[in-house]
Amino acid sequence: MGGRKMEKAENKEEVSLRELSERVAEFGRVRGWDKYHTPRNLLLALVGEVGEVSEIFQWKGEVGKGLPDWSAADKEHLEDELSDVFLYLLRLADVCGLDLAQAALSKILKNASKYPLNNPHQQQIQP
């Protein structure tokens, strides 16, 4: 977010969405960006970042899971752009006063009701 990429984190510990949200908010706050982090501006930035992800795939055709034919540099580029999308989405939810983690869990349950199992042997999603 914000143009410059932070150095890749060496620490692979688990992090909660709440902690990420707080860190993204702090990152913007200390740089004086809060006045620019309106829902509209964040949405437009998010759309721009989704466009950058789309560009990466634009001429590649179908690709296999795990991106087996991609170079490490191409995968890192995708990782950076997906991270930008994720962080803008997280910041947008926070600025709108929404708990994205709870909303996502709720949506999974709504989708489970909307799209019931066709095969009785498939595993049911538990709340």
C-alpha atoms as a PDB file:
ATOM      1  CA  MET A   1       0.000   0.000   0.000  1.00  0.00           C
ATOM      2  CA  GLY A   2       1.120   3.500  -0.624  1.00  0.00           C
ATOM      3  CA  GLY A   3       3.501   2.873  -3.500  1.00  0.00           C
ATOM      4  CA  ARG A   4       6.604   1.518  -1.765  1.00  0.00           C
ATOM      5  CA  LYS A   5       6.898  -2.129  -0.886  1.00  0.00           C
ATOM      6  CA  MET A   6       7.923  -3.048   2.637  1.00  0.00           C
ATOM      7  CA  GLU A   7      10.718  -5.572   2.888  1.00  0.00           C
ATOM      8  CA  LYS A   8       9.517  -9.153   2.932  1.00  0.00           C
ATOM      9  CA  ALA A   9       8.800 -10.291   6.463  1.00  0.00           C
ATOM     10  CA  GLU A  10      11.226 -12.886   7.680  1.00  0.00           C
ATOM     11  CA  ASN A  11       8.957 -13.855  10.577  1.00  0.00           C
ATOM     12  CA  LYS A  12       6.420 -16.496   9.507  1.00  0.00           C
ATOM     13  CA  GLU A  13       4.295 -16.372  12.677  1.00  0.00           C
ATOM     14  CA  GLU A  14       0.497 -16.394  12.515  1.00  0.00           C
ATOM     15  CA  VAL A  15      -1.156 -12.992  12.503  1.00  0.00           C
ATOM     16  CA  SER A  16      -4.814 -12.156  13.039  1.00  0.00           C
ATOM     17  CA  LEU A  17      -6.884  -9.966  10.743  1.00  0.00           C
ATOM     18  CA  ARG A  18      -7.377  -7.610  13.680  1.00  0.00           C
ATOM     19  CA  GLU A  19      -3.615  -7.234  14.128  1.00  0.00           C
ATOM     20  CA  LEU A  20      -3.113  -6.680  10.404  1.00  0.00           C
ATOM     21  CA  SER A  21      -5.895  -4.113  10.390  1.00  0.00           C
ATOM     22  CA  GLU A  22      -4.294  -2.272  13.310  1.00  0.00           C
ATOM     23  CA  ARG A  23      -0.877  -2.347  11.656  1.00  0.00           C
ATOM     24  CA  VAL A  24      -2.236  -1.018   8.350  1.00  0.00           C
ATOM     25  CA  ALA A  25      -4.115   1.739  10.188  1.00  0.00           C
ATOM     26  CA  GLU A  26      -0.961   2.678  12.122  1.00  0.00           C
ATOM     27  CA  PHE A  27       1.121   2.632   8.933  1.00  0.00           C
ATOM     28  CA  GLY A  28      -1.205   5.215   7.381  1.00  0.00           C
ATOM     29  CA  ARG A  29      -1.712   7.229  10.561  1.00  0.00           C
ATOM     30  CA  VAL A  30       1.980   7.900  11.196  1.00  0.00           C
ATOM     31  CA  ARG A  31       2.355   9.060   7.578  1.00  0.00           C
ATOM     32  CA  GLY A  32      -0.607  11.433   7.836  1.00  0.00           C
ATOM     33  CA  TRP A  33      -2.701   9.480   5.326  1.00  0.00           C
ATOM     34  CA  ASP A  34      -5.870   9.176   7.443  1.00  0.00           C
ATOM     35  CA  LYS A  35      -7.406  12.210   5.734  1.00  0.00           C
ATOM     36  CA  TYR A  36      -7.070  10.367   2.403  1.00  0.00           C
ATOM     37  CA  HIS A  37      -8.333   7.008   3.665  1.00  0.00           C
ATOM     38  CA  THR A  38     -11.991   7.646   2.981  1.00  0.00           C
ATOM     39  CA  PRO A  39     -14.197   4.753   1.872  1.00  0.00           C
ATOM     40  CA  ARG A  40     -14.359   6.128  -1.682  1.00  0.00           C
ATOM     41  CA  ASN A  41     -10.600   6.648  -1.984  1.00  0.00           C
ATOM     42  CA  LEU A  42      -9.826   3.243  -0.535  1.00  0.00           C
ATOM     43  CA  LEU A  43     -12.313   1.584  -2.892  1.00  0.00           C
ATOM     44  CA  LEU A  44     -10.752   3.289  -5.925  1.00  0.00           C
ATOM     45  CA  ALA A  45      -7.278   2.267  -4.765  1.00  0.00           C
ATOM     46  CA  LEU A  46      -8.537  -1.299  -4.274  1.00  0.00           C
ATOM     47  CA  VAL A  47      -9.965  -1.387  -7.805  1.00  0.00           C
ATOM     48  CA  GLY A  48      -6.643  -0.121  -9.166  1.00  0.00           C
ATOM     49  CA  GLU A  49      -4.767  -2.871  -7.362  1.00  0.00           C
ATOM     50  CA  VAL A  50      -7.181  -5.521  -8.664  1.00  0.00           C
ATOM     51  CA  GLY A  51      -6.356  -4.166 -12.128  1.00  0.00           C
ATOM     52  CA  GLU A  52      -2.673  -4.732 -11.428  1.00  0.00           C
ATOM     53  CA  VAL A  53      -3.390  -8.356 -10.463  1.00  0.00           C
ATOM     54  CA  SER A  54      -5.401  -8.738 -13.668  1.00  0.00           C
ATOM     55  CA  GLU A  55      -2.469  -7.441 -15.713  1.00  0.00           C
ATOM     56  CA  ILE A  56      -0.243 -10.175 -14.341  1.00  0.00           C
ATOM     57  CA  PHE A  57      -2.618 -12.851 -15.682  1.00  0.00           C
ATOM     58  CA  GLN A  58      -3.725 -10.997 -18.809  1.00  0.00           C
ATOM     59  CA  TRP A  59      -1.739 -12.877 -21.459  1.00  0.00           C
ATOM     60  CA  LYS A  60      -0.841 -16.055 -19.596  1.00  0.00           C
ATOM     61  CA  GLY A  61      -3.939 -18.089 -20.476  1.00  0.00           C
ATOM     62  CA  GLU A  62      -4.931 -20.736 -17.972  1.00  0.00           C
ATOM     63  CA  VAL A  63      -2.345 -21.507 -15.329  1.00  0.00           C
ATOM     64  CA  GLY A  64      -2.052 -24.516 -13.073  1.00  0.00           C
ATOM     65  CA  LYS A  65      -2.613 -24.466  -9.336  1.00  0.00           C
ATOM     66  CA  GLY A  66       0.546 -23.447  -7.541  1.00  0.00           C
ATOM     67  CA  LEU A  67       1.732 -21.620 -10.686  1.00  0.00           C
ATOM     68  CA  PRO A  68       4.164 -24.422 -11.618  1.00  0.00           C
ATOM     69  CA  ASP A  69       5.597 -22.688 -14.700  1.00  0.00           C
ATOM     70  CA  TRP A  70       6.101 -19.292 -13.094  1.00  0.00           C
ATOM     71  CA  SER A  71       9.455 -17.906 -12.016  1.00  0.00           C
ATOM     72  CA  ALA A  72      10.108 -16.958  -8.406  1.00  0.00           C
ATOM     73  CA  ALA A  73      10.114 -13.288  -9.481  1.00  0.00           C
ATOM     74  CA  ASP A  74       6.693 -13.638 -11.158  1.00  0.00           C
ATOM     75  CA  LYS A  75       5.270 -15.315  -8.052  1.00  0.00           C
ATOM     76  CA  GLU A  76       6.709 -12.588  -5.830  1.00  0.00           C
ATOM     77  CA  HIS A  77       5.188  -9.912  -8.074  1.00  0.00           C
ATOM     78  CA  LEU A  78       1.782 -11.606  -7.787  1.00  0.00           C
ATOM     79  CA  GLU A  79       2.243 -11.951  -4.030  1.00  0.00           C
ATOM     80  CA  ASP A  80       2.960  -8.205  -3.749  1.00  0.00           C
ATOM     81  CA  GLU A  81      -0.085  -7.213  -5.791  1.00  0.00           C
ATOM     82  CA  LEU A  82      -2.421  -9.625  -3.991  1.00  0.00           C
ATOM     83  CA  SER A  83      -1.123  -8.221  -0.712  1.00  0.00           C
ATOM     84  CA  ASP A  84      -1.976  -4.700  -1.876  1.00  0.00           C
ATOM     85  CA  VAL A  85      -5.521  -5.848  -2.723  1.00  0.00           C
ATOM     86  CA  PHE A  86      -5.865  -7.573   0.632  1.00  0.00           C
ATOM     87  CA  LEU A  87      -4.535  -4.628   2.636  1.00  0.00           C
ATOM     88  CA  TYR A  88      -6.747  -2.085   0.869  1.00  0.00           C
ATOM     89  CA  LEU A  89      -9.763  -4.366   1.400  1.00  0.00           C
ATOM     90  CA  LEU A  90      -8.898  -4.741   5.068  1.00  0.00           C
ATOM     91  CA  ARG A  91      -8.427  -0.986   5.466  1.00  0.00           C
ATOM     92  CA  LEU A  92     -11.706  -0.263   3.660  1.00  0.00           C
ATOM     93  CA  ALA A  93     -13.588  -2.604   5.990  1.00  0.00           C
ATOM     94  CA  ASP A  94     -11.953  -0.989   9.018  1.00  0.00           C
ATOM     95  CA  VAL A  95     -12.741   2.566   7.886  1.00  0.00           C
ATOM     96  CA  CYS A  96     -16.349   1.474   7.287  1.00  0.00           C
ATOM     97  CA  GLY A  97     -16.501   0.023  10.802  1.00  0.00           C
ATOM     98  CA  LEU A  98     -16.901  -3.582   9.645  1.00  0.00           C
ATOM     99  CA  ASP A  99     -15.326  -6.728  11.068  1.00  0.00           C
ATOM    100  CA  LEU A 100     -14.187  -8.412   7.866  1.00  0.00           C
ATOM    101  CA  ALA A 101     -13.303 -11.720   9.539  1.00  0.00           C
ATOM    102  CA  GLN A 102     -16.775 -12.076  11.084  1.00  0.00           C
ATOM    103  CA  ALA A 103     -18.425 -10.917   7.860  1.00  0.00           C
ATOM    104  CA  ALA A 104     -16.488 -13.548   5.888  1.00  0.00           C
ATOM    105  CA  LEU A 105     -17.472 -16.319   8.313  1.00  0.00           C
ATOM    106  CA  SER A 106     -21.093 -15.201   8.112  1.00  0.00           C
ATOM    107  CA  LYS A 107     -20.925 -15.179   4.310  1.00  0.00           C
ATOM    108  CA  ILE A 108     -19.551 -18.731   4.226  1.00  0.00           C
ATOM    109  CA  LEU A 109     -22.529 -19.891   6.304  1.00  0.00           C
ATOM    110  CA  LYS A 110     -24.974 -17.957   4.097  1.00  0.00           C
ATOM    111  CA  ASN A 111     -23.421 -19.572   1.017  1.00  0.00           C
ATOM    112  CA  ALA A 112     -23.669 -23.009   2.623  1.00  0.00           C
ATOM    113  CA  SER A 113     -27.424 -22.441   3.023  1.00  0.00           C
ATOM    114  CA  LYS A 114     -27.776 -20.962  -0.447  1.00  0.00           C
ATOM    115  CA  TYR A 115     -25.831 -23.798  -2.106  1.00  0.00           C
ATOM    116  CA  PRO A 116     -26.686 -26.978  -0.167  1.00  0.00           C
ATOM    117  CA  LEU A 117     -24.810 -30.212  -0.652  1.00  0.00           C
ATOM    118  CA  ASN A 118     -25.836 -32.279  -3.648  1.00  0.00           C
ATOM    119  CA  ASN A 119     -24.025 -35.352  -2.414  1.00  0.00           C
ATOM    120  CA  PRO A 120     -25.006 -36.613   1.064  1.00  0.00           C
ATOM    121  CA  HIS A 121     -21.399 -37.820   1.537  1.00  0.00           C
ATOM    122  CA  GLN A 122     -19.970 -34.285   1.252  1.00  0.00           C
ATOM    123  CA  GLN A 123     -18.940 -32.693   4.519  1.00  0.00           C
ATOM    124  CA  GLN A 124     -21.273 -30.029   5.964  1.00  0.00           C
ATOM    125  CA  ILE A 125     -19.755 -26.685   7.040  1.00  0.00           C
ATOM    126  CA  GLN A 126     -20.205 -26.113  10.768  1.00  0.00           C
ATOM    127  CA  PRO A 127     -20.869 -22.655  12.253  1.00  0.00           C
END
